[in-house]
Amino acid sequence: MWKVVALFVVLLLGFALGIWGTYRAVYPEKGVHRLTAVFQARAGETAILVRHEAAPALAMGEMELMAFDLESKTLLDQAGLKPGDRVRLTIRQIPPNRLVVVRMDKLP
């Protein structure tokens, strides 16, 4: 009987860790969010234009075109993006309404 209980506890812990990992992937820390988008164009040295999915945590619906500021010019230079490339953006929300991309990963 104890083996069944031990197995149940191990499976329950594994399930909880899986949920926690998924949550942390979307919400890395307070004020930081992740968003999947399609790169459209560079909008200056430290800004990009993207088409992005809905972002409920930011109270934003899906958008055809939105500009995001980048933390640094290096982020865009290192990503080597072309229009149409899918990207995962890690965005820091700076009160009251500023959104700054702090990480950009090109998706396959």
N, C-alpha and C. Protein backbone atom coordinates (compact mmCIF):
# COMPACT_ATOMS: atom_id res chain seq x y z
N MET A 1 0.82 -1.20 0.00
CA MET A 1 0.00 0.00 0.00
C MET A 1 0.86 1.27 0.00
N TRP A 2 1.94 1.26 0.78
CA TRP A 2 2.78 2.46 0.86
C TRP A 2 3.44 2.78 -0.47
N LYS A 3 3.70 1.73 -1.30
CA LYS A 3 4.30 1.95 -2.61
C LYS A 3 3.36 2.74 -3.52
N VAL A 4 2.08 2.44 -3.41
CA VAL A 4 1.08 3.16 -4.21
C VAL A 4 1.03 4.62 -3.78
N VAL A 5 1.04 4.86 -2.48
CA VAL A 5 1.02 6.23 -1.96
C VAL A 5 2.28 6.97 -2.38
N ALA A 6 3.43 6.32 -2.27
CA ALA A 6 4.70 6.95 -2.68
C ALA A 6 4.69 7.27 -4.17
N LEU A 7 4.19 6.36 -4.99
CA LEU A 7 4.10 6.60 -6.43
C LEU A 7 3.18 7.77 -6.72
N PHE A 8 2.05 7.83 -6.02
CA PHE A 8 1.11 8.94 -6.18
C PHE A 8 1.77 10.27 -5.84
N VAL A 9 2.50 10.32 -4.74
CA VAL A 9 3.17 11.56 -4.32
C VAL A 9 4.22 11.97 -5.35
N VAL A 10 5.01 11.03 -5.85
CA VAL A 10 6.03 11.33 -6.86
C VAL A 10 5.38 11.87 -8.13
N LEU A 11 4.31 11.22 -8.58
CA LEU A 11 3.61 11.68 -9.79
C LEU A 11 3.00 13.07 -9.58
N LEU A 12 2.44 13.30 -8.41
CA LEU A 12 1.84 14.60 -8.09
C LEU A 12 2.91 15.70 -8.08
N LEU A 13 4.07 15.42 -7.51
CA LEU A 13 5.17 16.39 -7.51
C LEU A 13 5.65 16.67 -8.93
N GLY A 14 5.77 15.63 -9.75
CA GLY A 14 6.17 15.81 -11.14
C GLY A 14 5.19 16.68 -11.90
N PHE A 15 3.91 16.45 -11.67
CA PHE A 15 2.86 17.25 -12.31
C PHE A 15 2.96 18.71 -11.87
N ALA A 16 3.14 18.93 -10.57
CA ALA A 16 3.24 20.30 -10.04
C ALA A 16 4.46 21.02 -10.60
N LEU A 17 5.59 20.33 -10.70
CA LEU A 17 6.79 20.95 -11.26
C LEU A 17 6.61 21.28 -12.74
N GLY A 18 5.90 20.44 -13.47
CA GLY A 18 5.62 20.71 -14.88
C GLY A 18 4.77 21.96 -15.04
N ILE A 19 3.75 22.09 -14.21
CA ILE A 19 2.90 23.29 -14.27
C ILE A 19 3.71 24.52 -13.89
N TRP A 20 4.53 24.42 -12.85
CA TRP A 20 5.35 25.56 -12.43
C TRP A 20 6.31 25.98 -13.54
N GLY A 21 6.93 25.02 -14.21
CA GLY A 21 7.85 25.33 -15.30
C GLY A 21 7.16 26.02 -16.45
N THR A 22 5.96 25.58 -16.79
CA THR A 22 5.19 26.22 -17.85
C THR A 22 4.82 27.64 -17.46
N TYR A 23 4.40 27.84 -16.23
CA TYR A 23 4.05 29.17 -15.74
C TYR A 23 5.26 30.10 -15.80
N ARG A 24 6.42 29.62 -15.35
CA ARG A 24 7.62 30.46 -15.33
C ARG A 24 8.09 30.78 -16.75
N ALA A 25 7.82 29.92 -17.71
CA ALA A 25 8.20 30.19 -19.10
C ALA A 25 7.42 31.37 -19.66
N VAL A 26 6.18 31.52 -19.24
CA VAL A 26 5.34 32.62 -19.73
C VAL A 26 5.52 33.87 -18.88
N TYR A 27 5.64 33.71 -17.57
CA TYR A 27 5.78 34.84 -16.65
C TYR A 27 7.08 34.68 -15.86
N PRO A 28 8.22 35.09 -16.46
CA PRO A 28 9.51 34.85 -15.82
C PRO A 28 9.68 35.55 -14.46
N GLU A 29 9.16 36.76 -14.32
CA GLU A 29 9.23 37.49 -13.05
C GLU A 29 8.23 38.62 -13.11
N LYS A 30 8.03 39.30 -12.00
CA LYS A 30 7.05 40.38 -11.96
C LYS A 30 7.44 41.49 -12.95
N GLY A 31 6.47 41.88 -13.77
CA GLY A 31 6.71 42.96 -14.73
C GLY A 31 7.39 42.52 -16.01
N VAL A 32 7.66 41.21 -16.14
CA VAL A 32 8.31 40.69 -17.35
C VAL A 32 7.36 39.68 -18.00
N HIS A 33 7.17 39.80 -19.30
CA HIS A 33 6.23 38.95 -20.02
C HIS A 33 6.89 38.41 -21.28
N ARG A 34 6.38 37.29 -21.78
CA ARG A 34 6.87 36.74 -23.05
C ARG A 34 5.74 36.79 -24.05
N LEU A 35 6.12 37.01 -25.29
CA LEU A 35 5.15 37.22 -26.36
C LEU A 35 5.71 36.65 -27.65
N THR A 36 4.91 35.91 -28.39
CA THR A 36 5.33 35.41 -29.69
C THR A 36 4.85 36.39 -30.75
N ALA A 37 5.73 36.72 -31.68
CA ALA A 37 5.41 37.73 -32.69
C ALA A 37 6.07 37.38 -34.01
N VAL A 38 5.70 38.12 -35.04
CA VAL A 38 6.33 38.01 -36.36
C VAL A 38 6.99 39.35 -36.64
N PHE A 39 8.30 39.31 -36.85
CA PHE A 39 9.07 40.52 -37.12
C PHE A 39 8.64 41.10 -38.47
N GLN A 40 8.38 42.41 -38.49
CA GLN A 40 7.97 43.07 -39.73
C GLN A 40 9.07 43.98 -40.27
N ALA A 41 9.63 44.83 -39.38
CA ALA A 41 10.64 45.78 -39.85
C ALA A 41 11.37 46.40 -38.67
N ARG A 42 12.51 46.95 -38.99
CA ARG A 42 13.26 47.75 -38.03
C ARG A 42 12.67 49.15 -38.08
N ALA A 43 12.49 49.77 -36.94
CA ALA A 43 11.90 51.11 -36.89
C ALA A 43 12.87 52.06 -36.20
N GLY A 44 14.08 52.12 -36.70
CA GLY A 44 15.11 52.95 -36.08
C GLY A 44 16.18 52.08 -35.45
N GLU A 45 17.07 52.71 -34.73
CA GLU A 45 18.20 52.00 -34.12
C GLU A 45 17.77 51.04 -33.02
N THR A 46 16.78 51.46 -32.22
CA THR A 46 16.40 50.65 -31.07
C THR A 46 14.89 50.41 -31.01
N ALA A 47 14.28 50.17 -32.15
CA ALA A 47 12.84 49.88 -32.17
C ALA A 47 12.53 48.91 -33.31
N ILE A 48 11.49 48.12 -33.10
CA ILE A 48 11.06 47.17 -34.13
C ILE A 48 9.54 47.26 -34.30
N LEU A 49 9.08 46.82 -35.45
CA LEU A 49 7.65 46.67 -35.71
C LEU A 49 7.36 45.18 -35.82
N VAL A 50 6.33 44.72 -35.11
CA VAL A 50 5.97 43.31 -35.13
C VAL A 50 4.45 43.15 -35.22
N ARG A 51 4.05 41.98 -35.68
CA ARG A 51 2.65 41.55 -35.59
C ARG A 51 2.65 40.51 -34.47
N HIS A 52 1.79 40.68 -33.46
CA HIS A 52 1.87 39.77 -32.32
C HIS A 52 0.53 39.16 -31.94
N GLU A 53 0.64 38.06 -31.23
CA GLU A 53 -0.53 37.36 -30.69
C GLU A 53 -1.13 38.15 -29.54
N ALA A 54 -2.29 37.71 -29.08
CA ALA A 54 -2.91 38.35 -27.92
C ALA A 54 -2.02 38.17 -26.69
N ALA A 55 -2.00 39.19 -25.85
CA ALA A 55 -1.22 39.15 -24.61
C ALA A 55 -2.14 39.54 -23.45
N PRO A 56 -2.90 38.57 -22.92
CA PRO A 56 -3.86 38.88 -21.86
C PRO A 56 -3.21 39.51 -20.63
N ALA A 57 -2.00 39.10 -20.29
CA ALA A 57 -1.33 39.66 -19.11
C ALA A 57 -1.05 41.15 -19.27
N LEU A 58 -0.94 41.60 -20.51
CA LEU A 58 -0.70 43.02 -20.79
C LEU A 58 -1.99 43.72 -21.23
N ALA A 59 -3.10 43.01 -21.18
CA ALA A 59 -4.41 43.53 -21.60
C ALA A 59 -4.36 44.02 -23.05
N MET A 60 -3.68 43.25 -23.91
CA MET A 60 -3.59 43.60 -25.33
C MET A 60 -4.13 42.44 -26.16
N GLY A 61 -4.92 42.80 -27.15
CA GLY A 61 -5.38 41.81 -28.10
C GLY A 61 -4.32 41.60 -29.17
N GLU A 62 -4.62 40.71 -30.11
CA GLU A 62 -3.72 40.47 -31.24
C GLU A 62 -3.61 41.77 -32.04
N MET A 63 -2.40 42.09 -32.48
CA MET A 63 -2.20 43.33 -33.24
C MET A 63 -1.49 43.06 -34.55
N GLU A 64 -1.94 43.74 -35.59
CA GLU A 64 -1.33 43.61 -36.91
C GLU A 64 0.03 44.30 -36.97
N LEU A 65 0.17 45.40 -36.26
CA LEU A 65 1.44 46.13 -36.28
C LEU A 65 1.61 46.92 -34.99
N MET A 66 2.71 46.68 -34.30
CA MET A 66 3.00 47.40 -33.06
C MET A 66 4.49 47.64 -32.97
N ALA A 67 4.85 48.79 -32.47
CA ALA A 67 6.26 49.14 -32.28
C ALA A 67 6.66 48.81 -30.85
N PHE A 68 7.85 48.25 -30.70
CA PHE A 68 8.43 47.99 -29.39
C PHE A 68 9.82 48.61 -29.35
N ASP A 69 10.13 49.22 -28.22
CA ASP A 69 11.49 49.72 -27.99
C ASP A 69 12.36 48.54 -27.56
N LEU A 70 13.63 48.58 -27.94
CA LEU A 70 14.58 47.56 -27.54
C LEU A 70 15.47 48.10 -26.43
N GLU A 71 15.89 47.23 -25.54
CA GLU A 71 16.79 47.63 -24.46
C GLU A 71 18.11 48.13 -25.04
N SER A 72 18.56 47.50 -26.14
CA SER A 72 19.80 47.94 -26.77
C SER A 72 19.79 47.58 -28.25
N LYS A 73 20.57 48.29 -29.01
CA LYS A 73 20.71 48.05 -30.45
C LYS A 73 21.28 46.66 -30.71
N THR A 74 22.10 46.18 -29.80
CA THR A 74 22.75 44.88 -29.92
C THR A 74 21.73 43.74 -30.05
N LEU A 75 20.61 43.83 -29.35
CA LEU A 75 19.58 42.78 -29.43
C LEU A 75 19.17 42.52 -30.87
N LEU A 76 18.90 43.56 -31.60
CA LEU A 76 18.44 43.42 -32.98
C LEU A 76 19.58 43.00 -33.90
N ASP A 77 20.75 43.56 -33.70
CA ASP A 77 21.90 43.20 -34.54
C ASP A 77 22.25 41.72 -34.39
N GLN A 78 22.20 41.19 -33.18
CA GLN A 78 22.55 39.79 -32.93
C GLN A 78 21.49 38.82 -33.43
N ALA A 79 20.24 39.25 -33.45
CA ALA A 79 19.15 38.35 -33.85
C ALA A 79 19.18 38.04 -35.34
N GLY A 80 19.66 38.96 -36.16
CA GLY A 80 19.73 38.74 -37.60
C GLY A 80 18.38 38.43 -38.23
N LEU A 81 17.38 39.22 -37.90
CA LEU A 81 16.01 38.96 -38.36
C LEU A 81 15.73 39.52 -39.74
N LYS A 82 14.84 38.81 -40.44
CA LYS A 82 14.32 39.26 -41.73
C LYS A 82 12.81 39.39 -41.57
N PRO A 83 12.17 40.27 -42.34
CA PRO A 83 10.71 40.37 -42.27
C PRO A 83 10.06 39.00 -42.47
N GLY A 84 9.12 38.68 -41.59
CA GLY A 84 8.43 37.39 -41.64
C GLY A 84 8.97 36.37 -40.65
N ASP A 85 10.12 36.62 -40.03
CA ASP A 85 10.68 35.70 -39.03
C ASP A 85 9.85 35.73 -37.75
N ARG A 86 9.60 34.52 -37.20
CA ARG A 86 8.90 34.42 -35.91
C ARG A 86 9.90 34.62 -34.78
N VAL A 87 9.48 35.37 -33.77
CA VAL A 87 10.36 35.65 -32.63
C VAL A 87 9.59 35.52 -31.33
N ARG A 88 10.33 35.18 -30.27
CA ARG A 88 9.77 35.23 -28.93
C ARG A 88 10.41 36.43 -28.25
N LEU A 89 9.57 37.36 -27.84
CA LEU A 89 10.05 38.58 -27.19
C LEU A 89 9.86 38.46 -25.69
N THR A 90 10.88 38.83 -24.95
CA THR A 90 10.76 38.96 -23.51
C THR A 90 10.69 40.45 -23.25
N ILE A 91 9.58 40.87 -22.65
CA ILE A 91 9.27 42.30 -22.53
C ILE A 91 9.18 42.69 -21.06
N ARG A 92 9.84 43.80 -20.73
CA ARG A 92 9.73 44.35 -19.37
C ARG A 92 8.75 45.51 -19.42
N GLN A 93 7.79 45.48 -18.51
CA GLN A 93 6.80 46.55 -18.42
C GLN A 93 7.31 47.59 -17.43
N ILE A 94 7.50 48.81 -17.94
CA ILE A 94 7.99 49.91 -17.12
C ILE A 94 6.84 50.88 -16.90
N PRO A 95 6.42 51.07 -15.65
CA PRO A 95 5.27 51.93 -15.38
C PRO A 95 5.49 53.34 -15.91
N PRO A 96 4.47 54.03 -16.37
CA PRO A 96 3.10 53.54 -16.38
C PRO A 96 2.77 52.66 -17.60
N ASN A 97 3.26 52.98 -18.79
CA ASN A 97 2.82 52.23 -19.97
C ASN A 97 3.93 51.89 -20.96
N ARG A 98 5.16 51.88 -20.54
CA ARG A 98 6.25 51.62 -21.48
C ARG A 98 6.60 50.13 -21.49
N LEU A 99 6.76 49.58 -22.71
CA LEU A 99 7.15 48.19 -22.89
C LEU A 99 8.50 48.15 -23.60
N VAL A 100 9.48 47.47 -23.00
CA VAL A 100 10.82 47.42 -23.56
C VAL A 100 11.23 45.95 -23.75
N VAL A 101 11.69 45.62 -24.95
CA VAL A 101 12.16 44.26 -25.24
C VAL A 101 13.55 44.10 -24.63
N VAL A 102 13.68 43.10 -23.73
CA VAL A 102 14.97 42.86 -23.07
C VAL A 102 15.66 41.60 -23.61
N ARG A 103 14.89 40.79 -24.36
CA ARG A 103 15.46 39.59 -24.99
C ARG A 103 14.62 39.25 -26.22
N MET A 104 15.31 38.75 -27.24
CA MET A 104 14.63 38.41 -28.48
C MET A 104 15.22 37.10 -29.00
N ASP A 105 14.38 36.07 -29.14
CA ASP A 105 14.84 34.78 -29.63
C ASP A 105 14.12 34.44 -30.93
N LYS A 106 14.89 34.14 -31.97
CA LYS A 106 14.32 33.74 -33.26
C LYS A 106 13.77 32.32 -33.12
N LEU A 107 12.54 32.11 -33.58
CA LEU A 107 11.91 30.80 -33.50
C LEU A 107 12.01 30.08 -34.84
N PRO A 108 12.03 28.75 -34.80
CA PRO A 108 12.10 28.00 -36.07
C PRO A 108 10.82 28.11 -36.88
